[in-house]
């Protein structure tokens, strides 16, 4: 899995309906669906300039996605509706 710059990750997640909030030394990305928080979130350190495969895998697990599915979100090959449909098909309550 390639590394991803944090600026690119943040833009991609915001396009997919995530809202970023800084808390302490971390940025938390909360998934918004139908104008409401879904309870799904991922986080990263404020100090990170680039995220490598281990951290990307952790973020994917936090969002109940596989690494490949998470990279589809980051690479913008899966839109917000596609992400919501994928999560619902996995039985995730949204």
Foldseek 3Di string as FASTA:
>chain_A
DAKAFPVLQVVLLVQLQWDWDDDDQKIKTFHADPNHTQPQIFMDGVPGGMGGDVNLQVRCVSRPHGSVVSVCSSVVVAHNVRSVVVCVVVVRGD
